[in-house]
Amino acid sequence: MEFLCGPGFAGVTQSFGWPQVRTWICWRVEASKDIGRAAYATRELMTTPAHASLADIRGRESDDAARDVESGAVASVAAFDPTLWTRVRFRLWREPPALCGEAQLYRVGHVSL
């Protein structure tokens, strides 16, 4: 949000106009003290079923985020995009994890805190 409110973004928008900015609503963020040692990231995007209980889904996603940090992730984010009705699971790891489902794996070059 700081970037959107800052002078750099103001300069870009004055030259090129206001872009559409998609954002996620964070349901849960967990981080260990070892977050600076992250070397890998995983991202899973999931469609939220129509008329599903968002409260129930949020609870399960929040529990999973906490459980992943307890199981070795150095950070875990559970978020929701109400524009597209999608959810994201984003995790940071010291070692490459076993992938499941449609998860994407990324190598982390640097973490700034």
C-alpha atoms as a PDB file:
ATOM      1  CA  MET A   1       0.000   0.000   0.000  1.00  0.00           C
ATOM      2  CA  GLU A   2       2.915   2.343   0.691  1.00  0.00           C
ATOM      3  CA  PHE A   3       3.940   2.106  -2.978  1.00  0.00           C
ATOM      4  CA  LEU A   4       0.459   3.074  -4.182  1.00  0.00           C
ATOM      5  CA  CYS A   5       0.507   6.109  -1.892  1.00  0.00           C
ATOM      6  CA  GLY A   6       4.065   7.138  -2.716  1.00  0.00           C
ATOM      7  CA  PRO A   7       5.647   9.590  -5.140  1.00  0.00           C
ATOM      8  CA  GLY A   8       6.932   6.862  -7.501  1.00  0.00           C
ATOM      9  CA  PHE A   9       3.440   5.599  -8.211  1.00  0.00           C
ATOM     10  CA  ALA A  10       2.133   9.155  -8.548  1.00  0.00           C
ATOM     11  CA  GLY A  11       4.734   9.802 -11.256  1.00  0.00           C
ATOM     12  CA  VAL A  12       3.795   6.650 -13.154  1.00  0.00           C
ATOM     13  CA  THR A  13       0.073   7.418 -13.011  1.00  0.00           C
ATOM     14  CA  GLN A  14       0.610  10.998 -14.180  1.00  0.00           C
ATOM     15  CA  SER A  15       2.430   9.674 -17.242  1.00  0.00           C
ATOM     16  CA  PHE A  16       0.384   6.563 -18.001  1.00  0.00           C
ATOM     17  CA  GLY A  17      -2.960   6.923 -16.169  1.00  0.00           C
ATOM     18  CA  TRP A  18      -4.523   4.992 -13.316  1.00  0.00           C
ATOM     19  CA  PRO A  19      -4.115   1.226 -13.671  1.00  0.00           C
ATOM     20  CA  GLN A  20      -6.414  -1.416 -12.268  1.00  0.00           C
ATOM     21  CA  VAL A  21      -4.738  -2.807  -9.141  1.00  0.00           C
ATOM     22  CA  ARG A  22      -5.702  -6.293  -8.008  1.00  0.00           C
ATOM     23  CA  THR A  23      -5.100  -7.051  -4.380  1.00  0.00           C
ATOM     24  CA  TRP A  24      -5.631  -9.859  -1.906  1.00  0.00           C
ATOM     25  CA  ILE A  25      -7.329  -9.674   1.472  1.00  0.00           C
ATOM     26  CA  CYS A  26      -5.023 -11.456   3.914  1.00  0.00           C
ATOM     27  CA  TRP A  27      -6.905 -13.871   6.106  1.00  0.00           C
ATOM     28  CA  ARG A  28      -3.857 -15.088   8.023  1.00  0.00           C
ATOM     29  CA  VAL A  29      -0.142 -14.357   8.012  1.00  0.00           C
ATOM     30  CA  GLU A  30       2.275 -16.463  10.025  1.00  0.00           C
ATOM     31  CA  ALA A  31       6.041 -15.982  10.072  1.00  0.00           C
ATOM     32  CA  SER A  32       8.870 -17.574  12.002  1.00  0.00           C
ATOM     33  CA  LYS A  33      11.975 -15.771  13.178  1.00  0.00           C
ATOM     34  CA  ASP A  34      13.836 -17.551  10.336  1.00  0.00           C
ATOM     35  CA  ILE A  35      11.898 -15.767   7.559  1.00  0.00           C
ATOM     36  CA  GLY A  36      15.123 -14.135   6.326  1.00  0.00           C
ATOM     37  CA  ARG A  37      16.459 -17.614   5.482  1.00  0.00           C
ATOM     38  CA  ALA A  38      13.711 -18.329   2.931  1.00  0.00           C
ATOM     39  CA  ALA A  39      15.130 -19.862  -0.242  1.00  0.00           C
ATOM     40  CA  TYR A  40      11.946 -21.187  -1.876  1.00  0.00           C
ATOM     41  CA  ALA A  41       8.354 -20.046  -2.250  1.00  0.00           C
ATOM     42  CA  THR A  42       5.212 -21.932  -3.171  1.00  0.00           C
ATOM     43  CA  ARG A  43       1.977 -20.471  -4.462  1.00  0.00           C
ATOM     44  CA  GLU A  44      -1.361 -22.192  -4.883  1.00  0.00           C
ATOM     45  CA  LEU A  45      -4.350 -20.474  -6.480  1.00  0.00           C
ATOM     46  CA  MET A  46      -7.775 -21.998  -5.879  1.00  0.00           C
ATOM     47  CA  THR A  47     -11.260 -21.127  -7.044  1.00  0.00           C
ATOM     48  CA  THR A  48     -13.778 -20.572  -4.277  1.00  0.00           C
ATOM     49  CA  PRO A  49     -16.973 -22.556  -4.923  1.00  0.00           C
ATOM     50  CA  ALA A  50     -20.091 -20.451  -5.467  1.00  0.00           C
ATOM     51  CA  HIS A  51     -22.157 -19.911  -2.304  1.00  0.00           C
ATOM     52  CA  ALA A  52     -19.541 -21.633  -0.138  1.00  0.00           C
ATOM     53  CA  SER A  53     -19.257 -20.489   3.462  1.00  0.00           C
ATOM     54  CA  LEU A  54     -16.407 -17.981   3.399  1.00  0.00           C
ATOM     55  CA  ALA A  55     -16.208 -18.105   7.189  1.00  0.00           C
ATOM     56  CA  ASP A  56     -15.625 -21.880   7.091  1.00  0.00           C
ATOM     57  CA  ILE A  57     -13.091 -21.617   4.278  1.00  0.00           C
ATOM     58  CA  ARG A  58     -11.283 -18.798   6.059  1.00  0.00           C
ATOM     59  CA  GLY A  59     -11.071 -20.900   9.218  1.00  0.00           C
ATOM     60  CA  ARG A  60      -9.619 -23.904   7.366  1.00  0.00           C
ATOM     61  CA  GLU A  61      -7.163 -21.766   5.392  1.00  0.00           C
ATOM     62  CA  SER A  62      -6.052 -19.984   8.581  1.00  0.00           C
ATOM     63  CA  ASP A  63      -5.515 -23.298  10.360  1.00  0.00           C
ATOM     64  CA  ASP A  64      -3.513 -24.608   7.379  1.00  0.00           C
ATOM     65  CA  ALA A  65      -1.326 -21.481   7.347  1.00  0.00           C
ATOM     66  CA  ALA A  66      -0.474 -21.913  11.034  1.00  0.00           C
ATOM     67  CA  ARG A  67       0.085 -25.661  10.607  1.00  0.00           C
ATOM     68  CA  ASP A  68       2.497 -25.111   7.696  1.00  0.00           C
ATOM     69  CA  VAL A  69       4.718 -22.856   9.823  1.00  0.00           C
ATOM     70  CA  GLU A  70       4.663 -25.467  12.577  1.00  0.00           C
ATOM     71  CA  SER A  71       5.700 -28.032   9.928  1.00  0.00           C
ATOM     72  CA  GLY A  72       8.687 -26.135   8.550  1.00  0.00           C
ATOM     73  CA  ALA A  73       7.568 -23.167   6.449  1.00  0.00           C
ATOM     74  CA  VAL A  74       9.281 -19.936   7.520  1.00  0.00           C
ATOM     75  CA  ALA A  75       6.218 -17.905   6.501  1.00  0.00           C
ATOM     76  CA  SER A  76       2.679 -18.635   5.435  1.00  0.00           C
ATOM     77  CA  VAL A  77      -0.052 -16.433   3.974  1.00  0.00           C
ATOM     78  CA  ALA A  78      -3.696 -17.336   3.369  1.00  0.00           C
ATOM     79  CA  ALA A  79      -5.516 -14.727   1.305  1.00  0.00           C
ATOM     80  CA  PHE A  80      -8.713 -14.129  -0.663  1.00  0.00           C
ATOM     81  CA  ASP A  81      -9.472 -12.154  -3.830  1.00  0.00           C
ATOM     82  CA  PRO A  82     -13.160 -11.176  -3.840  1.00  0.00           C
ATOM     83  CA  THR A  83     -12.857  -9.730  -7.360  1.00  0.00           C
ATOM     84  CA  LEU A  84     -12.223 -13.154  -8.908  1.00  0.00           C
ATOM     85  CA  TRP A  85     -13.432 -15.336  -5.988  1.00  0.00           C
ATOM     86  CA  THR A  86     -10.066 -17.021  -5.683  1.00  0.00           C
ATOM     87  CA  ARG A  87      -7.866 -17.928  -2.762  1.00  0.00           C
ATOM     88  CA  VAL A  88      -4.090 -18.050  -2.543  1.00  0.00           C
ATOM     89  CA  ARG A  89      -1.759 -20.012  -0.315  1.00  0.00           C
ATOM     90  CA  PHE A  90       1.706 -18.495  -0.314  1.00  0.00           C
ATOM     91  CA  ARG A  91       4.493 -20.136   1.688  1.00  0.00           C
ATOM     92  CA  LEU A  92       8.203 -19.471   2.152  1.00  0.00           C
ATOM     93  CA  TRP A  93      10.602 -22.355   2.851  1.00  0.00           C
ATOM     94  CA  ARG A  94      14.287 -22.932   3.644  1.00  0.00           C
ATOM     95  CA  GLU A  95      14.329 -26.147   1.584  1.00  0.00           C
ATOM     96  CA  PRO A  96      12.201 -27.039  -1.470  1.00  0.00           C
ATOM     97  CA  PRO A  97       9.006 -28.702  -0.205  1.00  0.00           C
ATOM     98  CA  ALA A  98       7.172 -31.633  -1.740  1.00  0.00           C
ATOM     99  CA  LEU A  99       4.555 -30.137  -4.051  1.00  0.00           C
ATOM    100  CA  CYS A 100       0.927 -31.144  -4.107  1.00  0.00           C
ATOM    101  CA  GLY A 101      -1.966 -30.137  -6.331  1.00  0.00           C
ATOM    102  CA  GLU A 102      -1.419 -27.134  -8.564  1.00  0.00           C
ATOM    103  CA  ALA A 103       1.309 -25.552  -6.420  1.00  0.00           C
ATOM    104  CA  GLN A 104       4.010 -23.559  -8.182  1.00  0.00           C
ATOM    105  CA  LEU A 105       7.573 -23.518  -6.842  1.00  0.00           C
ATOM    106  CA  TYR A 106       9.838 -20.469  -7.032  1.00  0.00           C
ATOM    107  CA  ARG A 107      13.446 -19.896  -6.016  1.00  0.00           C
ATOM    108  CA  VAL A 108      13.774 -16.879  -3.696  1.00  0.00           C
ATOM    109  CA  GLY A 109      16.778 -14.713  -4.502  1.00  0.00           C
ATOM    110  CA  HIS A 110      16.454 -12.223  -1.646  1.00  0.00           C
ATOM    111  CA  VAL A 111      14.168 -11.438   1.280  1.00  0.00           C
ATOM    112  CA  SER A 112      13.998  -7.840   2.536  1.00  0.00           C
ATOM    113  CA  LEU A 113      12.568  -7.288   5.978  1.00  0.00           C
END
